[in-house]
Amino acid sequence: MISKTRAAEQLMAKMKRVVRAGGPDPKFNKDLVQLQLEYRNANFPDETFQRALKNAQLQPVKTAKLTLLGPCGSVFIIESEGLSQKKLLEFLTASLDKIGDGFHLSKNDYSRTFEDKGVIIVSAIKANKTLSLDEMEEVCIELDCDDVNKFEEDGGTFYELICVRNKFTQLLAIVEEQGFSIKCSTLELRAINPVKIEKNETEKIIRLYQMLRENQGITQVHANIMPNSIPIRPLKLKAALE
């Protein structure tokens, strides 16, 4: 569990990204509607959400994005908030020097090989029972999700529910109503045709992820690799909000 202050900082950072991407009007930016639910889930009053929305419009945010190509045709779109393009480049260059061969930066646009998906991460524990993958797959079918993935983080088990963008807000509300403990929810770029990573190349990507996970300025990593082909995620799972 993290402090209320840290939770507010994380939500404010997300607010800035949402406003920057879709504007400050909830009538036209449905991601703001979803974000307001997250504020409520974190036990913040609507006044806090409105104040954060106002601040997001007043405060310019320093952002950067770079694309990295890796082994087996892998692509990593790395986004940061609070880092300049120069600082992000310096960090990635230093990281790649430590990893060795296998990666290089690219100026090409790979965004068309990805599509927007809603991603909701929930704890495997519901009503004091640990749900199996089979049980979560049944939930996935019931809720009309695209997919569900299981992963471990800091000794806990979690499930990642994936849906099309236009069902994201509705699905988030239903998952909350059904009593799941929501750890994180966001819109992410997911690969249209994910690639398989050969076993002899996984260690390089693990080392890359380990370095990315230690930099708090990295806010998103969009990778075109098959789910669960790497034993760790590119970024640490945000701790549950108090």
Foldseek 3Di string as FASTA:
>chain_A
DDDQVVVLVVLLVVLLVQCVVFNLDCVGRVVLVLSCVVCVLLVHDVVSSVVSSVVSVVDDKAKEWWWKAFPQRKIKIWIFTPDHNVRVVVLVVVLDVVLDDTMDTDPDDPLVQWDKKKKWKFFCAFPNDRHDPVRVVVVLVVLVFPDKDWADAPRTIMIITIHHPVCRSVSVVVCVVVGTQTQDIDIDIEGPQAGADDPVRLVSVVSQLVSQQVDPRTDDMYMRHDPPNHRDDSYHRHGHRD
